[in-house]
């Protein structure tokens, strides 16, 4: 297991004036994908985290996000310590 600290864009229109970055630290297996990190955050730290995914194998594109400003598929992009995960603007 490896520890990753990532920043995730969060926004709740009922509570927030604007989107903000929240920092999370999770442990996932070596070679984990960004989607695995999102699952770990949701399952272990913050069940209010919402994100999309379907096939988890790079076929459907529903898990598209921006990692450090670049569009990627969360199920295909290898997670790295210190990344910033934001919603995709490609929708």
PDB file of N, CA and C in Angstrom:
ATOM      1  N   UNK A   1       0.843  -1.182   0.000  1.00  0.00           N
ATOM      2  CA  UNK A   1       0.000   0.000   0.000  1.00  0.00           C
ATOM      3  C   UNK A   1       0.888   1.246   0.000  1.00  0.00           C
ATOM      4  N   UNK A   2       0.402   2.246  -0.691  1.00  0.00           N
ATOM      5  CA  UNK A   2       1.133   3.499  -0.775  1.00  0.00           C
ATOM      6  C   UNK A   2       0.187   4.632  -0.384  1.00  0.00           C
ATOM      7  N   UNK A   3       0.723   5.626   0.303  1.00  0.00           N
ATOM      8  CA  UNK A   3      -0.077   6.760   0.732  1.00  0.00           C
ATOM      9  C   UNK A   3      -0.014   7.869  -0.310  1.00  0.00           C
ATOM     10  N   UNK A   4      -1.176   8.387  -0.653  1.00  0.00           N
ATOM     11  CA  UNK A   4      -1.285   9.487  -1.605  1.00  0.00           C
ATOM     12  C   UNK A   4      -2.025  10.636  -0.939  1.00  0.00           C
ATOM     13  N   UNK A   5      -1.505  11.833  -1.101  1.00  0.00           N
ATOM     14  CA  UNK A   5      -2.216  13.034  -0.694  1.00  0.00           C
ATOM     15  C   UNK A   5      -2.603  13.759  -1.972  1.00  0.00           C
ATOM     16  N   UNK A   6      -3.904  13.957  -2.149  1.00  0.00           N
ATOM     17  CA  UNK A   6      -4.419  14.586  -3.364  1.00  0.00           C
ATOM     18  C   UNK A   6      -5.367  15.715  -2.984  1.00  0.00           C
ATOM     19  N   UNK A   7      -5.513  16.634  -3.920  1.00  0.00           N
ATOM     20  CA  UNK A   7      -6.483  17.720  -3.755  1.00  0.00           C
ATOM     21  C   UNK A   7      -7.623  17.453  -4.726  1.00  0.00           C
ATOM     22  N   UNK A   8      -8.844  17.594  -4.222  1.00  0.00           N
ATOM     23  CA  UNK A   8     -10.035  17.319  -5.026  1.00  0.00           C
ATOM     24  C   UNK A   8     -10.935  18.545  -5.006  1.00  0.00           C
ATOM     25  N   UNK A   9     -11.386  18.942  -6.168  1.00  0.00           N
ATOM     26  CA  UNK A   9     -12.311  20.063  -6.274  1.00  0.00           C
ATOM     27  C   UNK A   9     -13.659  19.648  -5.692  1.00  0.00           C
ATOM     28  N   UNK A  10     -14.191  20.491  -4.809  1.00  0.00           N
ATOM     29  CA  UNK A  10     -15.477  20.215  -4.159  1.00  0.00           C
ATOM     30  C   UNK A  10     -16.376  21.430  -4.316  1.00  0.00           C
ATOM     31  N   UNK A  11     -17.686  21.178  -4.427  1.00  0.00           N
ATOM     32  CA  UNK A  11     -18.651  22.269  -4.489  1.00  0.00           C
ATOM     33  C   UNK A  11     -20.024  21.751  -4.107  1.00  0.00           C
ATOM     34  N   UNK A  12     -20.593  22.356  -3.093  1.00  0.00           N
ATOM     35  CA  UNK A  12     -21.966  22.072  -2.672  1.00  0.00           C
ATOM     36  C   UNK A  12     -22.712  23.400  -2.760  1.00  0.00           C
ATOM     37  N   UNK A  13     -23.601  23.543  -3.744  1.00  0.00           N
ATOM     38  CA  UNK A  13     -24.257  24.845  -3.934  1.00  0.00           C
ATOM     39  C   UNK A  13     -25.079  25.282  -2.734  1.00  0.00           C
ATOM     40  N   UNK A  14     -25.462  24.356  -1.870  1.00  0.00           N
ATOM     41  CA  UNK A  14     -26.215  24.719  -0.669  1.00  0.00           C
ATOM     42  C   UNK A  14     -25.322  25.298   0.424  1.00  0.00           C
ATOM     43  N   UNK A  15     -24.011  25.031   0.336  1.00  0.00           N
ATOM     44  CA  UNK A  15     -23.110  25.472   1.397  1.00  0.00           C
ATOM     45  C   UNK A  15     -21.946  26.341   0.922  1.00  0.00           C
ATOM     46  N   UNK A  16     -21.548  26.197  -0.334  1.00  0.00           N
ATOM     47  CA  UNK A  16     -20.347  26.869  -0.824  1.00  0.00           C
ATOM     48  C   UNK A  16     -20.694  28.015  -1.771  1.00  0.00           C
ATOM     49  N   UNK A  17     -19.906  29.070  -1.689  1.00  0.00           N
ATOM     50  CA  UNK A  17     -20.058  30.186  -2.631  1.00  0.00           C
ATOM     51  C   UNK A  17     -19.401  29.872  -3.965  1.00  0.00           C
ATOM     52  N   UNK A  18     -18.332  29.105  -3.920  1.00  0.00           N
ATOM     53  CA  UNK A  18     -17.571  28.767  -5.130  1.00  0.00           C
ATOM     54  C   UNK A  18     -16.880  27.424  -4.895  1.00  0.00           C
ATOM     55  N   UNK A  19     -16.471  26.769  -5.981  1.00  0.00           N
ATOM     56  CA  UNK A  19     -15.708  25.527  -5.807  1.00  0.00           C
ATOM     57  C   UNK A  19     -14.421  25.787  -5.020  1.00  0.00           C
ATOM     58  N   UNK A  20     -13.995  24.786  -4.285  1.00  0.00           N
ATOM     59  CA  UNK A  20     -12.758  24.878  -3.520  1.00  0.00           C
ATOM     60  C   UNK A  20     -12.049  23.532  -3.561  1.00  0.00           C
ATOM     61  N   UNK A  21     -10.761  23.544  -3.248  1.00  0.00           N
ATOM     62  CA  UNK A  21      -9.986  22.303  -3.220  1.00  0.00           C
ATOM     63  C   UNK A  21      -9.907  21.795  -1.784  1.00  0.00           C
ATOM     64  N   UNK A  22     -10.146  20.508  -1.644  1.00  0.00           N
ATOM     65  CA  UNK A  22     -10.034  19.859  -0.343  1.00  0.00           C
ATOM     66  C   UNK A  22      -8.933  18.803  -0.440  1.00  0.00           C
ATOM     67  N   UNK A  23      -8.129  18.693   0.589  1.00  0.00           N
ATOM     68  CA  UNK A  23      -7.008  17.759   0.594  1.00  0.00           C
ATOM     69  C   UNK A  23      -7.395  16.483   1.335  1.00  0.00           C
ATOM     70  N   UNK A  24      -7.065  15.342   0.714  1.00  0.00           N
ATOM     71  CA  UNK A  24      -7.325  14.028   1.297  1.00  0.00           C
ATOM     72  C   UNK A  24      -6.042  13.205   1.238  1.00  0.00           C
ATOM     73  N   UNK A  25      -5.843  12.353   2.225  1.00  0.00           N
ATOM     74  CA  UNK A  25      -4.737  11.401   2.220  1.00  0.00           C
ATOM     75  C   UNK A  25      -5.318  10.005   2.380  1.00  0.00           C
ATOM     76  N   UNK A  26      -5.019   9.136   1.407  1.00  0.00           N
ATOM     77  CA  UNK A  26      -5.532   7.759   1.415  1.00  0.00           C
ATOM     78  C   UNK A  26      -4.407   6.790   1.083  1.00  0.00           C
ATOM     79  N   UNK A  27      -4.621   5.541   1.444  1.00  0.00           N
ATOM     80  CA  UNK A  27      -3.691   4.478   1.076  1.00  0.00           C
ATOM     81  C   UNK A  27      -4.350   3.601   0.025  1.00  0.00           C
ATOM     82  N   UNK A  28      -3.641   3.402  -1.086  1.00  0.00           N
ATOM     83  CA  UNK A  28      -4.104   2.521  -2.160  1.00  0.00           C
ATOM     84  C   UNK A  28      -2.920   1.688  -2.636  1.00  0.00           C
ATOM     85  N   UNK A  29      -3.208   0.657  -3.399  1.00  0.00           N
ATOM     86  CA  UNK A  29      -2.156  -0.208  -3.903  1.00  0.00           C
ATOM     87  C   UNK A  29      -1.229   0.531  -4.858  1.00  0.00           C
ATOM     88  N   UNK A  30       0.008   0.116  -4.872  1.00  0.00           N
ATOM     89  CA  UNK A  30       0.992   0.647  -5.834  1.00  0.00           C
ATOM     90  C   UNK A  30       0.435   0.462  -7.242  1.00  0.00           C
ATOM     91  N   UNK A  31       0.575   1.455  -8.096  1.00  0.00           N
ATOM     92  CA  UNK A  31       0.059   1.376  -9.462  1.00  0.00           C
ATOM     93  C   UNK A  31      -1.419   1.704  -9.575  1.00  0.00           C
ATOM     94  N   UNK A  32      -2.016   2.187  -8.496  1.00  0.00           N
ATOM     95  CA  UNK A  32      -3.440   2.533  -8.498  1.00  0.00           C
ATOM     96  C   UNK A  32      -3.732   3.621  -9.517  1.00  0.00           C
ATOM     97  N   UNK A  33      -4.951   3.651  -9.963  1.00  0.00           N
ATOM     98  CA  UNK A  33      -5.427   4.666 -10.892  1.00  0.00           C
ATOM     99  C   UNK A  33      -6.132   5.767 -10.110  1.00  0.00           C
ATOM    100  N   UNK A  34      -6.343   6.885 -10.751  1.00  0.00           N
ATOM    101  CA  UNK A  34      -7.039   8.006 -10.124  1.00  0.00           C
ATOM    102  C   UNK A  34      -8.412   7.544  -9.632  1.00  0.00           C
ATOM    103  N   UNK A  35      -9.080   6.703 -10.388  1.00  0.00           N
ATOM    104  CA  UNK A  35     -10.386   6.200  -9.985  1.00  0.00           C
ATOM    105  C   UNK A  35     -10.300   5.426  -8.666  1.00  0.00           C
ATOM    106  N   UNK A  36      -9.228   4.660  -8.465  1.00  0.00           N
ATOM    107  CA  UNK A  36      -9.045   3.948  -7.195  1.00  0.00           C
ATOM    108  C   UNK A  36      -8.898   4.921  -6.035  1.00  0.00           C
ATOM    109  N   UNK A  37      -8.224   6.032  -6.267  1.00  0.00           N
ATOM    110  CA  UNK A  37      -8.065   7.056  -5.235  1.00  0.00           C
ATOM    111  C   UNK A  37      -9.426   7.675  -4.907  1.00  0.00           C
ATOM    112  N   UNK A  38     -10.221   7.974  -5.924  1.00  0.00           N
ATOM    113  CA  UNK A  38     -11.555   8.527  -5.684  1.00  0.00           C
ATOM    114  C   UNK A  38     -12.425   7.537  -4.901  1.00  0.00           C
ATOM    115  N   UNK A  39     -12.349   6.251  -5.267  1.00  0.00           N
ATOM    116  CA  UNK A  39     -13.098   5.220  -4.521  1.00  0.00           C
ATOM    117  C   UNK A  39     -12.664   5.211  -3.059  1.00  0.00           C
ATOM    118  N   UNK A  40     -11.357   5.256  -2.809  1.00  0.00           N
ATOM    119  CA  UNK A  40     -10.840   5.209  -1.440  1.00  0.00           C
ATOM    120  C   UNK A  40     -11.308   6.424  -0.635  1.00  0.00           C
ATOM    121  N   UNK A  41     -11.277   7.601  -1.257  1.00  0.00           N
ATOM    122  CA  UNK A  41     -11.752   8.802  -0.565  1.00  0.00           C
ATOM    123  C   UNK A  41     -13.218   8.633  -0.196  1.00  0.00           C
ATOM    124  N   UNK A  42     -14.025   8.211  -1.168  1.00  0.00           N
ATOM    125  CA  UNK A  42     -15.459   8.036  -0.934  1.00  0.00           C
ATOM    126  C   UNK A  42     -15.737   6.980   0.133  1.00  0.00           C
ATOM    127  N   UNK A  43     -15.068   5.845   0.034  1.00  0.00           N
ATOM    128  CA  UNK A  43     -15.353   4.714   0.924  1.00  0.00           C
ATOM    129  C   UNK A  43     -14.794   4.885   2.332  1.00  0.00           C
ATOM    130  N   UNK A  44     -13.654   5.568   2.459  1.00  0.00           N
ATOM    131  CA  UNK A  44     -12.972   5.629   3.748  1.00  0.00           C
ATOM    132  C   UNK A  44     -13.056   6.977   4.458  1.00  0.00           C
ATOM    133  N   UNK A  45     -13.214   8.065   3.694  1.00  0.00           N
ATOM    134  CA  UNK A  45     -13.108   9.390   4.307  1.00  0.00           C
ATOM    135  C   UNK A  45     -14.321  10.281   4.128  1.00  0.00           C
ATOM    136  N   UNK A  46     -14.907  10.271   2.944  1.00  0.00           N
ATOM    137  CA  UNK A  46     -15.932  11.267   2.649  1.00  0.00           C
ATOM    138  C   UNK A  46     -17.010  10.692   1.724  1.00  0.00           C
ATOM    139  N   UNK A  47     -18.064  10.110   2.299  1.00  0.00           N
ATOM    140  CA  UNK A  47     -19.110   9.517   1.468  1.00  0.00           C
ATOM    141  C   UNK A  47     -19.920  10.533   0.666  1.00  0.00           C
ATOM    142  N   UNK A  48     -19.700  11.825   0.894  1.00  0.00           N
ATOM    143  CA  UNK A  48     -20.404  12.834   0.096  1.00  0.00           C
ATOM    144  C   UNK A  48     -19.705  13.113  -1.236  1.00  0.00           C
ATOM    145  N   UNK A  49     -18.507  12.568  -1.431  1.00  0.00           N
ATOM    146  CA  UNK A  49     -17.788  12.781  -2.690  1.00  0.00           C
ATOM    147  C   UNK A  49     -18.541  12.092  -3.825  1.00  0.00           C
ATOM    148  N   UNK A  50     -18.859  12.848  -4.861  1.00  0.00           N
ATOM    149  CA  UNK A  50     -19.566  12.307  -6.022  1.00  0.00           C
ATOM    150  C   UNK A  50     -18.672  12.378  -7.248  1.00  0.00           C
ATOM    151  N   UNK A  51     -18.717  11.337  -8.047  1.00  0.00           N
ATOM    152  CA  UNK A  51     -17.959  11.268  -9.296  1.00  0.00           C
ATOM    153  C   UNK A  51     -18.616  10.211 -10.170  1.00  0.00           C
ATOM    154  N   UNK A  52     -18.321  10.276 -11.457  1.00  0.00           N
ATOM    155  CA  UNK A  52     -18.934   9.344 -12.401  1.00  0.00           C
ATOM    156  C   UNK A  52     -17.937   8.300 -12.853  1.00  0.00           C
ATOM    157  N   UNK A  53     -18.431   7.097 -13.042  1.00  0.00           N
ATOM    158  CA  UNK A  53     -17.668   6.029 -13.684  1.00  0.00           C
ATOM    159  C   UNK A  53     -18.660   4.940 -14.074  1.00  0.00           C
ATOM    160  N   UNK A  54     -18.284   4.128 -15.037  1.00  0.00           N
ATOM    161  CA  UNK A  54     -19.166   3.052 -15.469  1.00  0.00           C
ATOM    162  C   UNK A  54     -18.373   1.773 -15.689  1.00  0.00           C
ATOM    163  N   UNK A  55     -17.594   1.728 -16.759  1.00  0.00           N
ATOM    164  CA  UNK A  55     -16.951   0.470 -17.142  1.00  0.00           C
ATOM    165  C   UNK A  55     -15.632   0.212 -16.419  1.00  0.00           C
ATOM    166  N   UNK A  56     -14.967   1.239 -15.967  1.00  0.00           N
ATOM    167  CA  UNK A  56     -13.661   1.146 -15.287  1.00  0.00           C
ATOM    168  C   UNK A  56     -12.566   0.524 -16.150  1.00  0.00           C
ATOM    169  N   UNK A  57     -12.750   0.547 -17.471  1.00  0.00           N
ATOM    170  CA  UNK A  57     -11.734  -0.050 -18.341  1.00  0.00           C
ATOM    171  C   UNK A  57     -11.398   0.809 -19.555  1.00  0.00           C
ATOM    172  N   UNK A  58     -11.639   2.105 -19.470  1.00  0.00           N
ATOM    173  CA  UNK A  58     -11.225   3.014 -20.530  1.00  0.00           C
ATOM    174  C   UNK A  58     -12.059   2.962 -21.785  1.00  0.00           C
ATOM    175  N   UNK A  59     -13.269   2.442 -21.705  1.00  0.00           N
ATOM    176  CA  UNK A  59     -14.102   2.299 -22.893  1.00  0.00           C
ATOM    177  C   UNK A  59     -15.194   3.363 -23.018  1.00  0.00           C
ATOM    178  N   UNK A  60     -15.786   3.751 -21.896  1.00  0.00           N
ATOM    179  CA  UNK A  60     -16.989   4.592 -21.982  1.00  0.00           C
ATOM    180  C   UNK A  60     -16.703   6.086 -21.848  1.00  0.00           C
ATOM    181  N   UNK A  61     -15.661   6.466 -21.133  1.00  0.00           N
ATOM    182  CA  UNK A  61     -15.324   7.876 -20.956  1.00  0.00           C
ATOM    183  C   UNK A  61     -16.090   8.584 -19.861  1.00  0.00           C
ATOM    184  N   UNK A  62     -16.955   7.873 -19.141  1.00  0.00           N
ATOM    185  CA  UNK A  62     -17.759   8.554 -18.119  1.00  0.00           C
ATOM    186  C   UNK A  62     -16.931   9.051 -16.938  1.00  0.00           C
ATOM    187  N   UNK A  63     -15.733   8.506 -16.745  1.00  0.00           N
ATOM    188  CA  UNK A  63     -14.900   8.910 -15.597  1.00  0.00           C
ATOM    189  C   UNK A  63     -13.916  10.026 -15.954  1.00  0.00           C
ATOM    190  N   UNK A  64     -14.184  10.747 -17.030  1.00  0.00           N
ATOM    191  CA  UNK A  64     -13.283  11.832 -17.441  1.00  0.00           C
ATOM    192  C   UNK A  64     -13.199  12.906 -16.356  1.00  0.00           C
ATOM    193  N   UNK A  65     -11.964  13.279 -16.019  1.00  0.00           N
ATOM    194  CA  UNK A  65     -11.675  14.333 -15.049  1.00  0.00           C
ATOM    195  C   UNK A  65     -10.460  15.107 -15.552  1.00  0.00           C
ATOM    196  N   UNK A  66     -10.134  16.180 -14.864  1.00  0.00           N
ATOM    197  CA  UNK A  66      -8.877  16.874 -15.129  1.00  0.00           C
ATOM    198  C   UNK A  66      -7.927  16.554 -13.987  1.00  0.00           C
ATOM    199  N   UNK A  67      -6.742  16.130 -14.325  1.00  0.00           N
ATOM    200  CA  UNK A  67      -5.693  15.886 -13.334  1.00  0.00           C
ATOM    201  C   UNK A  67      -4.580  16.872 -13.635  1.00  0.00           C
ATOM    202  N   UNK A  68      -4.331  17.737 -12.669  1.00  0.00           N
ATOM    203  CA  UNK A  68      -3.358  18.817 -12.848  1.00  0.00           C
ATOM    204  C   UNK A  68      -3.643  19.615 -14.119  1.00  0.00           C
ATOM    205  N   UNK A  69      -4.933  19.826 -14.387  1.00  0.00           N
ATOM    206  CA  UNK A  69      -5.367  20.640 -15.514  1.00  0.00           C
ATOM    207  C   UNK A  69      -5.486  19.926 -16.840  1.00  0.00           C
ATOM    208  N   UNK A  70      -5.066  18.668 -16.914  1.00  0.00           N
ATOM    209  CA  UNK A  70      -5.107  17.914 -18.172  1.00  0.00           C
ATOM    210  C   UNK A  70      -6.268  16.924 -18.169  1.00  0.00           C
ATOM    211  N   UNK A  71      -7.036  16.850 -19.270  1.00  0.00           N
ATOM    212  CA  UNK A  71      -8.136  15.887 -19.317  1.00  0.00           C
ATOM    213  C   UNK A  71      -7.609  14.448 -19.402  1.00  0.00           C
ATOM    214  N   UNK A  72      -8.152  13.575 -18.554  1.00  0.00           N
ATOM    215  CA  UNK A  72      -7.754  12.163 -18.522  1.00  0.00           C
ATOM    216  C   UNK A  72      -8.977  11.322 -18.170  1.00  0.00           C
ATOM    217  N   UNK A  73      -8.853  10.027 -18.380  1.00  0.00           N
ATOM    218  CA  UNK A  73      -9.835   9.082 -17.852  1.00  0.00           C
ATOM    219  C   UNK A  73      -9.310   8.609 -16.505  1.00  0.00           C
ATOM    220  N   UNK A  74     -10.115   8.772 -15.467  1.00  0.00           N
ATOM    221  CA  UNK A  74      -9.676   8.409 -14.117  1.00  0.00           C
ATOM    222  C   UNK A  74      -9.327   6.932 -14.006  1.00  0.00           C
ATOM    223  N   UNK A  75      -9.965   6.089 -14.807  1.00  0.00           N
ATOM    224  CA  UNK A  75      -9.699   4.644 -14.734  1.00  0.00           C
ATOM    225  C   UNK A  75      -8.403   4.252 -15.432  1.00  0.00           C
ATOM    226  N   UNK A  76      -7.840   5.141 -16.216  1.00  0.00           N
ATOM    227  CA  UNK A  76      -6.622   4.826 -16.969  1.00  0.00           C
ATOM    228  C   UNK A  76      -5.390   5.577 -16.461  1.00  0.00           C
ATOM    229  N   UNK A  77      -5.596   6.703 -15.808  1.00  0.00           N
ATOM    230  CA  UNK A  77      -4.488   7.556 -15.369  1.00  0.00           C
ATOM    231  C   UNK A  77      -3.910   7.044 -14.050  1.00  0.00           C
ATOM    232  N   UNK A  78      -2.600   6.816 -14.030  1.00  0.00           N
ATOM    233  CA  UNK A  78      -1.963   6.365 -12.801  1.00  0.00           C
ATOM    234  C   UNK A  78      -1.965   7.483 -11.770  1.00  0.00           C
ATOM    235  N   UNK A  79      -2.345   7.136 -10.550  1.00  0.00           N
ATOM    236  CA  UNK A  79      -2.363   8.113  -9.470  1.00  0.00           C
ATOM    237  C   UNK A  79      -0.941   8.441  -9.043  1.00  0.00           C
ATOM    238  N   UNK A  80      -0.736   9.695  -8.716  1.00  0.00           N
ATOM    239  CA  UNK A  80       0.559  10.156  -8.215  1.00  0.00           C
ATOM    240  C   UNK A  80       0.297  11.039  -6.997  1.00  0.00           C
ATOM    241  N   UNK A  81       1.217  11.006  -6.073  1.00  0.00           N
ATOM    242  CA  UNK A  81       1.099  11.836  -4.884  1.00  0.00           C
ATOM    243  C   UNK A  81       1.103  13.307  -5.283  1.00  0.00           C
ATOM    244  N   UNK A  82       0.226  14.085  -4.669  1.00  0.00           N
ATOM    245  CA  UNK A  82       0.220  15.523  -4.884  1.00  0.00           C
ATOM    246  C   UNK A  82      -0.618  16.011  -6.043  1.00  0.00           C
ATOM    247  N   UNK A  83      -1.368  15.143  -6.719  1.00  0.00           N
ATOM    248  CA  UNK A  83      -2.158  15.587  -7.869  1.00  0.00           C
ATOM    249  C   UNK A  83      -3.393  16.362  -7.428  1.00  0.00           C
ATOM    250  N   UNK A  84      -3.926  17.133  -8.370  1.00  0.00           N
ATOM    251  CA  UNK A  84      -5.184  17.844  -8.180  1.00  0.00           C
ATOM    252  C   UNK A  84      -6.190  17.263  -9.152  1.00  0.00           C
ATOM    253  N   UNK A  85      -7.351  16.851  -8.622  1.00  0.00           N
ATOM    254  CA  UNK A  85      -8.407  16.236  -9.416  1.00  0.00           C
ATOM    255  C   UNK A  85      -9.594  17.196  -9.461  1.00  0.00           C
ATOM    256  N   UNK A  86     -10.024  17.523 -10.686  1.00  0.00           N
ATOM    257  CA  UNK A  86     -11.143  18.440 -10.878  1.00  0.00           C
ATOM    258  C   UNK A  86     -12.110  17.854 -11.887  1.00  0.00           C
ATOM    259  N   UNK A  87     -13.363  18.337 -11.911  1.00  0.00           N
ATOM    260  CA  UNK A  87     -14.300  17.853 -12.919  1.00  0.00           C
ATOM    261  C   UNK A  87     -13.818  18.173 -14.324  1.00  0.00           C
ATOM    262  N   UNK A  88     -14.208  17.333 -15.239  1.00  0.00           N
ATOM    263  CA  UNK A  88     -13.881  17.576 -16.637  1.00  0.00           C
ATOM    264  C   UNK A  88     -14.780  18.665 -17.185  1.00  0.00           C
ATOM    265  N   UNK A  89     -14.255  19.467 -18.060  1.00  0.00           N
ATOM    266  CA  UNK A  89     -15.059  20.492 -18.725  1.00  0.00           C
ATOM    267  C   UNK A  89     -15.427  20.055 -20.132  1.00  0.00           C
ATOM    268  N   UNK A  90     -15.184  18.784 -20.442  1.00  0.00           N
ATOM    269  CA  UNK A  90     -15.450  18.267 -21.789  1.00  0.00           C
ATOM    270  C   UNK A  90     -16.874  17.791 -21.982  1.00  0.00           C
ATOM    271  N   UNK A  91     -17.670  17.813 -20.961  1.00  0.00           N
ATOM    272  CA  UNK A  91     -19.020  17.268 -21.029  1.00  0.00           C
ATOM    273  C   UNK A  91     -19.945  18.123 -21.838  1.00  0.00           C
TER     274      UNK A  91
END
